[in-house]
Amino acid sequence: MDTLSRLEKAIAARSDAAPDTSYVASLNAKGIGKIAQKLGEEATEAVIAAVSGSNEELVGESADLLFHLLVLLQARGVSLDHVLAELDRREGVSGLEEKASRSE
């Protein structure tokens, strides 16, 4: 998790940079919709790599997916710690039970 925490900090530091000097800042300048669209594109690419690509392609696309997820979380003001806390809350709970609890 140290890697993701360091990446989260780097993304936060770059978010206020000039858009022409930082990819993160350029995404933020385009707004939440564009960031979410980019995350969706990366998710699709990860799915394609999982189905028909090599393990190396899947690793690369997974890294892109995690990066763009962290950019989106930062833009929405949600910390990685919040996400990790939710995963901790779900630990030990059956996936079927957890999913069923969301529809109640």
N, C-alpha and C. Protein backbone atom coordinates (compact mmCIF):
# COMPACT_ATOMS: atom_id res chain seq x y z
N MET A 1 0.82 -1.20 0.00
CA MET A 1 0.00 0.00 0.00
C MET A 1 0.86 1.26 0.00
N ASP A 2 2.12 1.12 0.35
CA ASP A 2 2.99 2.30 0.33
C ASP A 2 3.03 2.93 -1.06
N THR A 3 3.07 2.09 -2.08
CA THR A 3 3.12 2.60 -3.45
C THR A 3 1.89 3.43 -3.76
N LEU A 4 0.72 2.92 -3.42
CA LEU A 4 -0.51 3.67 -3.69
C LEU A 4 -0.59 4.95 -2.86
N SER A 5 -0.11 4.88 -1.64
CA SER A 5 -0.10 6.09 -0.79
C SER A 5 0.83 7.15 -1.37
N ARG A 6 1.99 6.72 -1.84
CA ARG A 6 2.92 7.67 -2.46
C ARG A 6 2.31 8.26 -3.73
N LEU A 7 1.66 7.41 -4.51
CA LEU A 7 1.03 7.89 -5.73
C LEU A 7 -0.09 8.87 -5.42
N GLU A 8 -0.88 8.57 -4.41
CA GLU A 8 -1.95 9.49 -4.00
C GLU A 8 -1.37 10.86 -3.65
N LYS A 9 -0.27 10.88 -2.93
CA LYS A 9 0.38 12.15 -2.55
C LYS A 9 0.91 12.88 -3.77
N ALA A 10 1.50 12.15 -4.71
CA ALA A 10 2.01 12.78 -5.93
C ALA A 10 0.88 13.38 -6.74
N ILE A 11 -0.23 12.67 -6.84
CA ILE A 11 -1.40 13.17 -7.58
C ILE A 11 -1.91 14.45 -6.91
N ALA A 12 -2.00 14.45 -5.60
CA ALA A 12 -2.47 15.65 -4.88
C ALA A 12 -1.53 16.83 -5.13
N ALA A 13 -0.25 16.56 -5.12
CA ALA A 13 0.74 17.63 -5.34
C ALA A 13 0.65 18.20 -6.75
N ARG A 14 0.30 17.38 -7.71
CA ARG A 14 0.26 17.81 -9.11
C ARG A 14 -1.08 18.39 -9.51
N SER A 15 -2.09 18.21 -8.70
CA SER A 15 -3.44 18.61 -9.10
C SER A 15 -3.59 20.11 -9.31
N ASP A 16 -2.79 20.90 -8.63
CA ASP A 16 -2.90 22.35 -8.76
C ASP A 16 -1.85 22.95 -9.68
N ALA A 17 -1.08 22.11 -10.36
CA ALA A 17 -0.07 22.59 -11.30
C ALA A 17 -0.75 23.18 -12.52
N ALA A 18 0.04 23.83 -13.34
CA ALA A 18 -0.49 24.33 -14.61
C ALA A 18 -0.84 23.14 -15.50
N PRO A 19 -2.01 23.17 -16.14
CA PRO A 19 -2.43 22.03 -16.96
C PRO A 19 -1.44 21.64 -18.05
N ASP A 20 -0.64 22.60 -18.52
CA ASP A 20 0.31 22.27 -19.58
C ASP A 20 1.61 21.68 -19.03
N THR A 21 1.70 21.55 -17.70
CA THR A 21 2.91 20.98 -17.11
C THR A 21 2.66 19.66 -16.39
N SER A 22 1.40 19.26 -16.26
CA SER A 22 1.07 18.06 -15.50
C SER A 22 -0.14 17.36 -16.11
N TYR A 23 0.01 16.07 -16.35
CA TYR A 23 -1.11 15.28 -16.86
C TYR A 23 -2.27 15.29 -15.86
N VAL A 24 -1.97 15.16 -14.58
CA VAL A 24 -3.01 15.18 -13.54
C VAL A 24 -3.75 16.51 -13.58
N ALA A 25 -3.00 17.60 -13.64
CA ALA A 25 -3.63 18.92 -13.68
C ALA A 25 -4.46 19.10 -14.95
N SER A 26 -3.99 18.55 -16.07
CA SER A 26 -4.76 18.67 -17.31
C SER A 26 -6.07 17.90 -17.21
N LEU A 27 -6.05 16.73 -16.58
CA LEU A 27 -7.29 16.00 -16.37
C LEU A 27 -8.23 16.77 -15.45
N ASN A 28 -7.69 17.29 -14.36
CA ASN A 28 -8.53 18.05 -13.42
C ASN A 28 -9.15 19.27 -14.09
N ALA A 29 -8.41 19.91 -14.98
CA ALA A 29 -8.94 21.08 -15.67
C ALA A 29 -10.13 20.73 -16.56
N LYS A 30 -10.20 19.48 -17.01
CA LYS A 30 -11.29 19.04 -17.88
C LYS A 30 -12.52 18.62 -17.09
N GLY A 31 -12.36 18.44 -15.78
CA GLY A 31 -13.51 18.15 -14.94
C GLY A 31 -13.74 16.68 -14.63
N ILE A 32 -14.64 16.47 -13.68
CA ILE A 32 -14.94 15.12 -13.19
C ILE A 32 -15.43 14.21 -14.31
N GLY A 33 -16.24 14.73 -15.19
CA GLY A 33 -16.77 13.91 -16.28
C GLY A 33 -15.67 13.32 -17.14
N LYS A 34 -14.70 14.13 -17.47
CA LYS A 34 -13.59 13.66 -18.31
C LYS A 34 -12.72 12.66 -17.54
N ILE A 35 -12.50 12.93 -16.27
CA ILE A 35 -11.70 11.99 -15.45
C ILE A 35 -12.43 10.66 -15.37
N ALA A 36 -13.73 10.69 -15.14
CA ALA A 36 -14.51 9.46 -15.06
C ALA A 36 -14.50 8.73 -16.40
N GLN A 37 -14.60 9.45 -17.49
CA GLN A 37 -14.53 8.85 -18.82
C GLN A 37 -13.19 8.15 -19.02
N LYS A 38 -12.11 8.81 -18.62
CA LYS A 38 -10.78 8.22 -18.76
C LYS A 38 -10.66 6.96 -17.91
N LEU A 39 -11.22 6.98 -16.71
CA LEU A 39 -11.22 5.79 -15.86
C LEU A 39 -11.96 4.65 -16.55
N GLY A 40 -13.09 4.95 -17.15
CA GLY A 40 -13.85 3.94 -17.88
C GLY A 40 -13.07 3.36 -19.04
N GLU A 41 -12.36 4.22 -19.77
CA GLU A 41 -11.53 3.75 -20.88
C GLU A 41 -10.45 2.80 -20.38
N GLU A 42 -9.81 3.17 -19.27
CA GLU A 42 -8.76 2.33 -18.71
C GLU A 42 -9.32 1.00 -18.20
N ALA A 43 -10.52 1.04 -17.64
CA ALA A 43 -11.16 -0.21 -17.18
C ALA A 43 -11.43 -1.13 -18.36
N THR A 44 -11.92 -0.55 -19.45
CA THR A 44 -12.17 -1.34 -20.65
C THR A 44 -10.88 -1.95 -21.19
N GLU A 45 -9.83 -1.16 -21.20
CA GLU A 45 -8.54 -1.67 -21.68
C GLU A 45 -8.02 -2.79 -20.78
N ALA A 46 -8.25 -2.68 -19.48
CA ALA A 46 -7.85 -3.75 -18.56
C ALA A 46 -8.64 -5.02 -18.83
N VAL A 47 -9.93 -4.87 -19.11
CA VAL A 47 -10.77 -6.03 -19.41
C VAL A 47 -10.28 -6.71 -20.70
N ILE A 48 -10.00 -5.92 -21.70
CA ILE A 48 -9.52 -6.48 -22.97
C ILE A 48 -8.19 -7.19 -22.76
N ALA A 49 -7.30 -6.60 -21.99
CA ALA A 49 -6.01 -7.24 -21.71
C ALA A 49 -6.20 -8.54 -20.94
N ALA A 50 -7.17 -8.56 -20.04
CA ALA A 50 -7.43 -9.78 -19.25
C ALA A 50 -7.93 -10.90 -20.14
N VAL A 51 -8.73 -10.57 -21.13
CA VAL A 51 -9.34 -11.58 -21.99
C VAL A 51 -8.42 -12.02 -23.12
N SER A 52 -7.71 -11.06 -23.70
CA SER A 52 -6.96 -11.42 -24.90
C SER A 52 -5.52 -10.94 -24.94
N GLY A 53 -5.05 -10.33 -23.88
CA GLY A 53 -3.68 -9.82 -23.87
C GLY A 53 -2.76 -10.69 -23.05
N SER A 54 -1.53 -10.25 -22.99
CA SER A 54 -0.53 -10.94 -22.18
C SER A 54 -0.64 -10.48 -20.73
N ASN A 55 0.02 -11.20 -19.85
CA ASN A 55 0.06 -10.78 -18.45
C ASN A 55 0.70 -9.40 -18.32
N GLU A 56 1.71 -9.13 -19.13
CA GLU A 56 2.38 -7.82 -19.08
C GLU A 56 1.42 -6.70 -19.48
N GLU A 57 0.59 -6.97 -20.49
CA GLU A 57 -0.40 -5.97 -20.89
C GLU A 57 -1.42 -5.75 -19.78
N LEU A 58 -1.84 -6.83 -19.14
CA LEU A 58 -2.79 -6.70 -18.03
C LEU A 58 -2.19 -5.91 -16.88
N VAL A 59 -0.93 -6.16 -16.58
CA VAL A 59 -0.26 -5.41 -15.52
C VAL A 59 -0.22 -3.92 -15.86
N GLY A 60 0.17 -3.60 -17.08
CA GLY A 60 0.23 -2.20 -17.49
C GLY A 60 -1.13 -1.52 -17.44
N GLU A 61 -2.14 -2.19 -17.95
CA GLU A 61 -3.48 -1.60 -17.94
C GLU A 61 -4.03 -1.49 -16.52
N SER A 62 -3.69 -2.45 -15.67
CA SER A 62 -4.12 -2.38 -14.27
C SER A 62 -3.47 -1.18 -13.57
N ALA A 63 -2.21 -0.93 -13.86
CA ALA A 63 -1.53 0.24 -13.29
C ALA A 63 -2.21 1.52 -13.76
N ASP A 64 -2.54 1.59 -15.05
CA ASP A 64 -3.24 2.77 -15.57
C ASP A 64 -4.60 2.94 -14.89
N LEU A 65 -5.30 1.84 -14.67
CA LEU A 65 -6.61 1.87 -14.03
C LEU A 65 -6.51 2.39 -12.60
N LEU A 66 -5.56 1.86 -11.84
CA LEU A 66 -5.39 2.33 -10.46
C LEU A 66 -5.00 3.80 -10.42
N PHE A 67 -4.12 4.22 -11.31
CA PHE A 67 -3.71 5.63 -11.37
C PHE A 67 -4.92 6.52 -11.61
N HIS A 68 -5.70 6.19 -12.62
CA HIS A 68 -6.84 7.05 -12.95
C HIS A 68 -7.92 7.00 -11.87
N LEU A 69 -8.07 5.87 -11.19
CA LEU A 69 -8.98 5.81 -10.05
C LEU A 69 -8.53 6.78 -8.96
N LEU A 70 -7.24 6.80 -8.67
CA LEU A 70 -6.73 7.72 -7.65
C LEU A 70 -6.90 9.18 -8.08
N VAL A 71 -6.75 9.47 -9.36
CA VAL A 71 -6.99 10.84 -9.85
C VAL A 71 -8.45 11.21 -9.61
N LEU A 72 -9.37 10.30 -9.93
CA LEU A 72 -10.79 10.57 -9.73
C LEU A 72 -11.12 10.75 -8.25
N LEU A 73 -10.60 9.88 -7.41
CA LEU A 73 -10.85 10.01 -5.97
C LEU A 73 -10.36 11.35 -5.46
N GLN A 74 -9.16 11.74 -5.86
CA GLN A 74 -8.59 13.02 -5.42
C GLN A 74 -9.46 14.18 -5.88
N ALA A 75 -9.90 14.12 -7.12
CA ALA A 75 -10.73 15.20 -7.66
C ALA A 75 -12.06 15.33 -6.91
N ARG A 76 -12.56 14.22 -6.40
CA ARG A 76 -13.81 14.22 -5.64
C ARG A 76 -13.59 14.44 -4.15
N GLY A 77 -12.33 14.53 -3.72
CA GLY A 77 -12.03 14.76 -2.31
C GLY A 77 -12.17 13.51 -1.46
N VAL A 78 -12.03 12.35 -2.08
CA VAL A 78 -12.12 11.07 -1.37
C VAL A 78 -10.71 10.51 -1.24
N SER A 79 -10.31 10.20 -0.03
CA SER A 79 -8.95 9.68 0.16
C SER A 79 -8.91 8.17 -0.02
N LEU A 80 -7.73 7.70 -0.32
CA LEU A 80 -7.50 6.26 -0.40
C LEU A 80 -7.83 5.61 0.93
N ASP A 81 -7.54 6.29 2.03
CA ASP A 81 -7.87 5.76 3.35
C ASP A 81 -9.36 5.48 3.51
N HIS A 82 -10.20 6.32 2.91
CA HIS A 82 -11.65 6.08 2.97
C HIS A 82 -12.01 4.79 2.25
N VAL A 83 -11.41 4.57 1.10
CA VAL A 83 -11.67 3.35 0.34
C VAL A 83 -11.16 2.13 1.09
N LEU A 84 -9.97 2.26 1.66
CA LEU A 84 -9.40 1.14 2.42
C LEU A 84 -10.24 0.83 3.66
N ALA A 85 -10.78 1.87 4.29
CA ALA A 85 -11.64 1.65 5.45
C ALA A 85 -12.90 0.88 5.05
N GLU A 86 -13.43 1.18 3.87
CA GLU A 86 -14.60 0.46 3.39
C GLU A 86 -14.25 -1.00 3.11
N LEU A 87 -13.09 -1.24 2.53
CA LEU A 87 -12.66 -2.62 2.32
C LEU A 87 -12.47 -3.34 3.65
N ASP A 88 -11.90 -2.65 4.64
CA ASP A 88 -11.75 -3.25 5.97
C ASP A 88 -13.11 -3.59 6.57
N ARG A 89 -14.07 -2.70 6.37
CA ARG A 89 -15.42 -2.94 6.90
C ARG A 89 -16.03 -4.18 6.28
N ARG A 90 -15.74 -4.40 5.03
CA ARG A 90 -16.31 -5.55 4.31
C ARG A 90 -15.56 -6.85 4.56
N GLU A 91 -14.39 -6.77 5.15
CA GLU A 91 -13.58 -7.97 5.36
C GLU A 91 -14.34 -8.97 6.22
N GLY A 92 -14.33 -10.20 5.78
CA GLY A 92 -15.02 -11.24 6.53
C GLY A 92 -16.50 -11.35 6.22
N VAL A 93 -17.00 -10.48 5.36
CA VAL A 93 -18.40 -10.52 4.97
C VAL A 93 -18.47 -11.16 3.58
N SER A 94 -19.32 -12.11 3.42
CA SER A 94 -19.51 -12.75 2.12
C SER A 94 -19.85 -11.70 1.08
N GLY A 95 -19.28 -11.84 -0.10
CA GLY A 95 -19.59 -10.92 -1.19
C GLY A 95 -21.06 -10.92 -1.52
N LEU A 96 -21.69 -12.08 -1.42
CA LEU A 96 -23.13 -12.17 -1.68
C LEU A 96 -23.92 -11.41 -0.62
N GLU A 97 -23.50 -11.55 0.65
CA GLU A 97 -24.18 -10.83 1.73
C GLU A 97 -24.00 -9.32 1.56
N GLU A 98 -22.78 -8.90 1.25
CA GLU A 98 -22.51 -7.48 1.11
C GLU A 98 -23.33 -6.89 -0.02
N LYS A 99 -23.38 -7.57 -1.16
CA LYS A 99 -24.16 -7.08 -2.28
C LYS A 99 -25.64 -7.02 -1.93
N ALA A 100 -26.15 -8.02 -1.26
CA ALA A 100 -27.56 -8.03 -0.86
C ALA A 100 -27.88 -6.88 0.09
N SER A 101 -26.94 -6.51 0.95
CA SER A 101 -27.18 -5.43 1.92
C SER A 101 -27.31 -4.07 1.23
N ARG A 102 -26.75 -3.93 0.05
CA ARG A 102 -26.83 -2.66 -0.68
C ARG A 102 -28.21 -2.44 -1.28
N SER A 103 -28.95 -3.50 -1.51
CA SER A 103 -30.27 -3.34 -2.13
C SER A 103 -31.37 -3.16 -1.09
N GLU A 104 -31.01 -3.22 0.18
CA GLU A 104 -32.02 -3.08 1.25
C GLU A 104 -32.35 -1.64 1.52
